[in-house]
C-alpha cells in the first residue's frame, strides 16, 4: 500500500503584510509593533490556506488576540474582527 502527499512549501514563505492603518504599525523586517495603541488588524498575502503557520509573539502587552478568519470578512480601520462577524473568526 502506498500513499502520497503534496507539500507546497517548507520553511519561510515570502509574504506581503496588508495593514489597514499603516500609521498604527511600525514594521522592522518581520517584526510588527503597534505604536498607536488602537486596535490593528493585518492580513498576509498570500493567504494561508492550509498547513501549519508559526507566529512568534515577543510581547503580549495589550495583545487581545491572534486569529484566523475567512477571506470574506469585511473589516475597516480601527475595527476588531471579532466585533463584526464572529462566525467568520476563530
N, C-alpha and C. Protein backbone atom coordinates (compact mmCIF):
# COMPACT_ATOMS: atom_id res chain seq x y z
N UNK A 1 0.85 -1.17 0.00
CA UNK A 1 0.00 0.00 0.00
C UNK A 1 0.90 1.24 0.00
N UNK A 2 0.61 2.17 -0.86
CA UNK A 2 1.41 3.39 -0.91
C UNK A 2 0.51 4.60 -0.72
N UNK A 3 1.13 5.66 -0.29
CA UNK A 3 0.39 6.91 -0.12
C UNK A 3 1.27 8.04 -0.60
N UNK A 4 0.65 9.14 -0.95
CA UNK A 4 1.43 10.29 -1.40
C UNK A 4 0.91 11.54 -0.72
N UNK A 5 1.77 12.52 -0.64
CA UNK A 5 1.40 13.80 -0.04
C UNK A 5 1.99 14.91 -0.88
N UNK A 6 1.32 16.02 -0.89
CA UNK A 6 1.80 17.18 -1.62
C UNK A 6 2.17 18.26 -0.62
N UNK A 7 3.38 18.77 -0.72
CA UNK A 7 3.83 19.84 0.17
C UNK A 7 4.19 21.02 -0.71
N UNK A 8 3.51 22.13 -0.50
CA UNK A 8 3.75 23.32 -1.32
C UNK A 8 4.98 24.09 -0.87
N UNK A 9 5.22 24.17 0.42
CA UNK A 9 6.35 24.95 0.92
C UNK A 9 6.80 24.42 2.26
N UNK A 10 8.09 24.39 2.44
CA UNK A 10 8.67 24.05 3.74
C UNK A 10 9.62 25.18 4.08
N UNK A 11 9.49 25.71 5.28
CA UNK A 11 10.35 26.81 5.68
C UNK A 11 9.66 28.14 5.45
N UNK A 12 10.42 29.22 5.54
CA UNK A 12 9.82 30.55 5.39
C UNK A 12 9.18 30.74 4.01
N UNK A 13 8.06 31.41 4.00
CA UNK A 13 7.33 31.72 2.77
C UNK A 13 7.34 33.23 2.58
N UNK A 14 7.64 33.68 1.38
CA UNK A 14 7.61 35.12 1.10
C UNK A 14 6.17 35.61 1.18
N UNK A 15 5.94 36.72 1.84
CA UNK A 15 4.59 37.25 2.00
C UNK A 15 4.65 38.77 2.06
N UNK A 16 3.51 39.38 1.85
CA UNK A 16 3.35 40.83 2.00
C UNK A 16 2.32 41.08 3.08
N UNK A 17 2.66 41.85 4.10
CA UNK A 17 1.65 42.20 5.10
C UNK A 17 0.73 43.29 4.55
N UNK A 18 -0.55 43.16 4.80
CA UNK A 18 -1.53 44.17 4.40
C UNK A 18 -2.07 44.78 5.68
N UNK A 19 -1.75 46.04 5.91
CA UNK A 19 -2.16 46.73 7.13
C UNK A 19 -3.16 47.81 6.73
N UNK A 20 -4.35 47.80 7.35
CA UNK A 20 -5.39 48.76 7.01
C UNK A 20 -5.02 50.18 7.43
N UNK A 21 -4.29 50.31 8.52
CA UNK A 21 -3.89 51.62 9.03
C UNK A 21 -2.38 51.62 9.24
N UNK A 22 -1.60 51.81 8.18
CA UNK A 22 -0.14 51.71 8.28
C UNK A 22 0.49 52.62 9.32
N UNK A 23 -0.12 53.76 9.63
CA UNK A 23 0.44 54.66 10.63
C UNK A 23 0.38 54.11 12.04
N UNK A 24 -0.42 53.06 12.25
CA UNK A 24 -0.55 52.46 13.58
C UNK A 24 0.50 51.39 13.85
N UNK A 25 1.21 50.96 12.82
CA UNK A 25 2.16 49.86 12.94
C UNK A 25 3.55 50.33 12.52
N UNK A 26 4.54 49.95 13.30
CA UNK A 26 5.94 50.15 12.92
C UNK A 26 6.46 48.80 12.47
N UNK A 27 6.93 48.70 11.24
CA UNK A 27 7.43 47.44 10.71
C UNK A 27 8.94 47.51 10.57
N UNK A 28 9.61 46.53 11.15
CA UNK A 28 11.05 46.39 11.03
C UNK A 28 11.33 44.95 10.64
N UNK A 29 11.61 44.73 9.37
CA UNK A 29 11.79 43.36 8.90
C UNK A 29 10.50 42.59 9.04
N UNK A 30 10.54 41.50 9.80
CA UNK A 30 9.33 40.71 10.03
C UNK A 30 8.75 40.96 11.42
N UNK A 31 9.11 42.09 12.02
CA UNK A 31 8.60 42.45 13.34
C UNK A 31 7.61 43.59 13.19
N UNK A 32 6.45 43.47 13.83
CA UNK A 32 5.39 44.47 13.76
C UNK A 32 5.11 44.98 15.17
N UNK A 33 5.11 46.29 15.32
CA UNK A 33 4.88 46.88 16.63
C UNK A 33 3.75 47.90 16.52
N UNK A 34 2.75 47.78 17.40
CA UNK A 34 1.66 48.75 17.44
C UNK A 34 2.18 49.99 18.14
N UNK A 35 2.17 51.13 17.44
CA UNK A 35 2.69 52.37 18.00
C UNK A 35 1.59 53.36 18.34
N UNK A 36 0.33 53.01 18.05
CA UNK A 36 -0.77 53.94 18.28
C UNK A 36 -1.62 53.58 19.49
N UNK A 37 -1.60 52.31 19.88
CA UNK A 37 -2.48 51.85 20.96
C UNK A 37 -3.89 51.54 20.49
N UNK A 38 -4.19 51.76 19.21
CA UNK A 38 -5.51 51.46 18.64
C UNK A 38 -5.55 49.99 18.22
N UNK A 39 -6.77 49.42 18.09
CA UNK A 39 -6.85 48.06 17.54
C UNK A 39 -6.30 48.04 16.11
N UNK A 40 -5.46 47.09 15.82
CA UNK A 40 -4.86 46.97 14.50
C UNK A 40 -5.03 45.54 14.01
N UNK A 41 -5.51 45.40 12.79
CA UNK A 41 -5.63 44.10 12.16
C UNK A 41 -4.81 44.13 10.88
N UNK A 42 -4.06 43.06 10.64
CA UNK A 42 -3.35 42.98 9.37
C UNK A 42 -3.48 41.57 8.83
N UNK A 43 -3.33 41.48 7.53
CA UNK A 43 -3.51 40.23 6.80
C UNK A 43 -2.21 39.89 6.09
N UNK A 44 -2.13 38.66 5.63
CA UNK A 44 -0.96 38.22 4.88
C UNK A 44 -1.37 37.85 3.46
N UNK A 45 -0.53 38.24 2.51
CA UNK A 45 -0.71 37.85 1.12
C UNK A 45 0.57 37.16 0.69
N UNK A 46 0.59 35.90 0.37
CA UNK A 46 -0.58 35.08 0.10
C UNK A 46 -1.28 34.64 1.37
N UNK A 47 -2.55 34.33 1.22
CA UNK A 47 -3.37 33.85 2.33
C UNK A 47 -2.89 32.45 2.72
N UNK A 48 -2.88 32.18 4.01
CA UNK A 48 -2.55 30.84 4.50
C UNK A 48 -3.79 29.99 4.28
N UNK A 49 -3.72 29.04 3.37
CA UNK A 49 -4.90 28.24 3.02
C UNK A 49 -4.91 26.88 3.69
N UNK A 50 -3.75 26.35 4.00
CA UNK A 50 -3.69 25.05 4.65
C UNK A 50 -2.32 24.88 5.28
N UNK A 51 -2.21 23.85 6.07
CA UNK A 51 -0.93 23.55 6.68
C UNK A 51 -0.76 24.22 8.03
N UNK A 52 0.46 24.40 8.41
CA UNK A 52 0.80 24.95 9.72
C UNK A 52 1.56 26.25 9.52
N UNK A 53 1.17 27.26 10.24
CA UNK A 53 1.87 28.55 10.20
C UNK A 53 2.36 28.86 11.61
N UNK A 54 3.54 29.41 11.70
CA UNK A 54 4.13 29.73 13.01
C UNK A 54 4.20 31.24 13.16
N UNK A 55 3.68 31.74 14.28
CA UNK A 55 3.77 33.14 14.63
C UNK A 55 4.47 33.24 15.97
N UNK A 56 5.47 34.07 16.06
CA UNK A 56 6.16 34.29 17.33
C UNK A 56 5.70 35.62 17.91
N UNK A 57 5.27 35.60 19.15
CA UNK A 57 4.85 36.81 19.84
C UNK A 57 5.90 37.11 20.90
N UNK A 58 6.55 38.26 20.78
CA UNK A 58 7.63 38.62 21.70
C UNK A 58 7.15 39.43 22.89
N UNK A 59 6.03 40.09 22.76
CA UNK A 59 5.49 40.88 23.86
C UNK A 59 3.98 40.78 23.81
N UNK A 60 3.38 40.40 24.91
CA UNK A 60 1.93 40.23 24.92
C UNK A 60 1.22 41.39 25.61
N UNK A 61 1.93 42.49 25.83
CA UNK A 61 1.28 43.66 26.42
C UNK A 61 0.16 44.13 25.51
N UNK A 62 -1.04 44.15 26.02
CA UNK A 62 -2.22 44.59 25.29
C UNK A 62 -2.53 43.76 24.05
N UNK A 63 -2.00 42.55 23.94
CA UNK A 63 -2.36 41.68 22.83
C UNK A 63 -3.71 41.06 23.14
N UNK A 64 -4.70 41.38 22.33
CA UNK A 64 -6.04 40.88 22.58
C UNK A 64 -6.26 39.53 21.92
N UNK A 65 -5.65 39.31 20.79
CA UNK A 65 -5.83 38.02 20.15
C UNK A 65 -5.08 37.89 18.84
N UNK A 66 -4.85 36.65 18.48
CA UNK A 66 -4.31 36.28 17.19
C UNK A 66 -5.28 35.26 16.64
N UNK A 67 -5.73 35.45 15.43
CA UNK A 67 -6.76 34.54 14.93
C UNK A 67 -6.67 34.28 13.45
N UNK A 68 -7.55 33.42 13.03
CA UNK A 68 -7.68 33.05 11.63
C UNK A 68 -9.10 33.37 11.22
N UNK A 69 -9.25 33.95 10.05
CA UNK A 69 -10.57 34.29 9.55
C UNK A 69 -10.68 33.88 8.09
N UNK A 70 -11.89 33.81 7.58
CA UNK A 70 -12.05 33.52 6.17
C UNK A 70 -11.90 34.80 5.37
N UNK A 71 -11.62 34.66 4.10
CA UNK A 71 -11.28 35.83 3.28
C UNK A 71 -12.46 36.75 2.97
N UNK A 72 -13.68 36.38 3.32
CA UNK A 72 -14.82 37.25 3.05
C UNK A 72 -15.14 38.19 4.21
N UNK A 73 -14.33 38.16 5.25
CA UNK A 73 -14.55 39.07 6.37
C UNK A 73 -14.25 40.49 5.94
N UNK A 74 -15.20 41.38 6.15
CA UNK A 74 -15.01 42.79 5.81
C UNK A 74 -14.72 43.55 7.08
N UNK A 75 -13.57 44.18 7.12
CA UNK A 75 -13.16 44.91 8.32
C UNK A 75 -12.54 46.23 7.90
N UNK A 76 -12.80 47.25 8.67
CA UNK A 76 -12.28 48.58 8.38
C UNK A 76 -11.23 48.99 9.38
N UNK A 77 -10.64 50.17 9.18
CA UNK A 77 -9.64 50.68 10.11
C UNK A 77 -10.19 50.80 11.52
N UNK A 78 -9.37 50.48 12.50
CA UNK A 78 -9.71 50.58 13.92
C UNK A 78 -10.86 49.68 14.34
N UNK A 79 -11.13 48.62 13.58
CA UNK A 79 -12.15 47.64 13.95
C UNK A 79 -11.47 46.32 14.29
N UNK A 80 -12.07 45.57 15.18
CA UNK A 80 -11.59 44.25 15.53
C UNK A 80 -12.43 43.22 14.79
N UNK A 81 -11.84 42.17 14.26
CA UNK A 81 -12.61 41.18 13.51
C UNK A 81 -13.73 40.56 14.33
N UNK A 82 -13.50 40.30 15.61
CA UNK A 82 -14.50 39.64 16.44
C UNK A 82 -15.67 40.55 16.77
N UNK A 83 -15.57 41.84 16.52
CA UNK A 83 -16.69 42.74 16.75
C UNK A 83 -17.71 42.69 15.63
N UNK A 84 -17.33 42.25 14.45
CA UNK A 84 -18.20 42.33 13.28
C UNK A 84 -18.92 41.03 12.98
N UNK A 85 -18.19 40.00 12.67
CA UNK A 85 -18.78 38.76 12.18
C UNK A 85 -18.14 37.59 12.92
N UNK A 86 -18.62 37.34 14.11
CA UNK A 86 -17.99 36.33 14.97
C UNK A 86 -17.97 34.95 14.33
N UNK A 87 -18.95 34.63 13.49
CA UNK A 87 -18.99 33.31 12.88
C UNK A 87 -17.88 33.10 11.85
N UNK A 88 -17.21 34.17 11.44
CA UNK A 88 -16.14 34.05 10.45
C UNK A 88 -14.75 34.15 11.08
N UNK A 89 -14.68 34.13 12.38
CA UNK A 89 -13.41 34.34 13.08
C UNK A 89 -13.16 33.20 14.04
N UNK A 90 -11.93 32.72 14.08
CA UNK A 90 -11.56 31.66 15.02
C UNK A 90 -10.43 32.16 15.89
